[in-house]
Every structure is written in structure tokens, then in C-alpha cells.
């Protein structure tokens, strides 16, 4: 999967949303990545309540 394809999936809510820790460090929730891996076609990002 290309970087641009992943970016489009994230933007559309069909892939886990990244969390920016620093300018050069982006991380993803392990739980969300595993949910996405179980069903990539049916995945919908959950909103994070603060």
C-alpha cells in the first residue's frame, strides 16, 4: 500500500487516525490498527472522546 493510499484512507475515516507526538513522530493506536487489520473493507474510525 502506498503512502498516498494510506493517507486517503485515514482522511476518509477508513483507516485508524494517527496521533502526532512530535513534528517527526506519528503513532497509531495498537487496538485500532488491529481492528482495521481484522476487517479493512468494513473498518470505520471511531471518534475519540476527550
C-alpha atoms as a PDB file:
ATOM      1  CA  UNK A   1       0.000   0.000   0.000  1.00  0.00           C
ATOM      2  CA  UNK A   2       1.397   3.375  -0.924  1.00  0.00           C
ATOM      3  CA  UNK A   3       1.721   6.307   1.454  1.00  0.00           C
ATOM      4  CA  UNK A   4      -0.849   8.268  -0.560  1.00  0.00           C
ATOM      5  CA  UNK A   5      -3.380   5.410  -0.457  1.00  0.00           C
ATOM      6  CA  UNK A   6      -2.967   5.169   3.323  1.00  0.00           C
ATOM      7  CA  UNK A   7      -3.355   8.956   3.673  1.00  0.00           C
ATOM      8  CA  UNK A   8      -6.610   8.859   1.676  1.00  0.00           C
ATOM      9  CA  UNK A   9      -7.967   6.002   3.812  1.00  0.00           C
ATOM     10  CA  UNK A  10      -7.150   7.906   7.016  1.00  0.00           C
ATOM     11  CA  UNK A  11      -8.712  11.100   5.669  1.00  0.00           C
ATOM     12  CA  UNK A  12     -11.929   9.273   4.729  1.00  0.00           C
ATOM     13  CA  UNK A  13     -12.142   7.521   8.124  1.00  0.00           C
ATOM     14  CA  UNK A  14     -11.471   4.082   6.666  1.00  0.00           C
ATOM     15  CA  UNK A  15      -8.138   3.655   8.475  1.00  0.00           C
ATOM     16  CA  UNK A  16      -7.001   4.464  12.031  1.00  0.00           C
ATOM     17  CA  UNK A  17      -6.352   8.126  12.773  1.00  0.00           C
ATOM     18  CA  UNK A  18      -2.725   8.995  13.609  1.00  0.00           C
ATOM     19  CA  UNK A  19      -1.612  10.783  16.739  1.00  0.00           C
ATOM     20  CA  UNK A  20       1.207  13.289  16.274  1.00  0.00           C
ATOM     21  CA  UNK A  21       3.632  13.205  19.204  1.00  0.00           C
ATOM     22  CA  UNK A  22       6.214  15.495  17.639  1.00  0.00           C
ATOM     23  CA  UNK A  23       6.849  17.013  14.223  1.00  0.00           C
ATOM     24  CA  UNK A  24       8.671  13.831  13.154  1.00  0.00           C
ATOM     25  CA  UNK A  25       6.853  11.187  15.209  1.00  0.00           C
ATOM     26  CA  UNK A  26       3.411   9.852  14.306  1.00  0.00           C
ATOM     27  CA  UNK A  27       1.888   6.898  16.142  1.00  0.00           C
ATOM     28  CA  UNK A  28      -1.264   4.806  15.798  1.00  0.00           C
ATOM     29  CA  UNK A  29      -3.339   3.095  18.454  1.00  0.00           C
ATOM     30  CA  UNK A  30      -2.405  -0.593  18.515  1.00  0.00           C
ATOM     31  CA  UNK A  31      -6.033  -1.517  19.244  1.00  0.00           C
ATOM     32  CA  UNK A  32      -7.296   0.497  16.260  1.00  0.00           C
ATOM     33  CA  UNK A  33      -4.679  -0.951  13.891  1.00  0.00           C
ATOM     34  CA  UNK A  34      -5.680  -4.492  14.915  1.00  0.00           C
ATOM     35  CA  UNK A  35      -9.383  -3.633  14.408  1.00  0.00           C
ATOM     36  CA  UNK A  36      -8.507  -2.341  10.928  1.00  0.00           C
ATOM     37  CA  UNK A  37      -6.447  -5.451  10.123  1.00  0.00           C
ATOM     38  CA  UNK A  38      -9.364  -7.747  11.028  1.00  0.00           C
ATOM     39  CA  UNK A  39     -11.681  -6.055   8.502  1.00  0.00           C
ATOM     40  CA  UNK A  40     -10.016  -3.390   6.316  1.00  0.00           C
ATOM     41  CA  UNK A  41     -13.020  -3.062   3.979  1.00  0.00           C
ATOM     42  CA  UNK A  42     -15.549  -2.639   6.785  1.00  0.00           C
ATOM     43  CA  UNK A  43     -13.473  -0.510   9.162  1.00  0.00           C
ATOM     44  CA  UNK A  44     -14.841   2.824  10.332  1.00  0.00           C
ATOM     45  CA  UNK A  45     -12.713   5.037  12.566  1.00  0.00           C
ATOM     46  CA  UNK A  46     -14.187   5.711  15.984  1.00  0.00           C
ATOM     47  CA  UNK A  47     -14.256   9.243  17.284  1.00  0.00           C
ATOM     48  CA  UNK A  48     -12.048   9.761  20.317  1.00  0.00           C
ATOM     49  CA  UNK A  49     -13.835  11.364  23.240  1.00  0.00           C
ATOM     50  CA  UNK A  50     -11.595  13.695  25.225  1.00  0.00           C
END
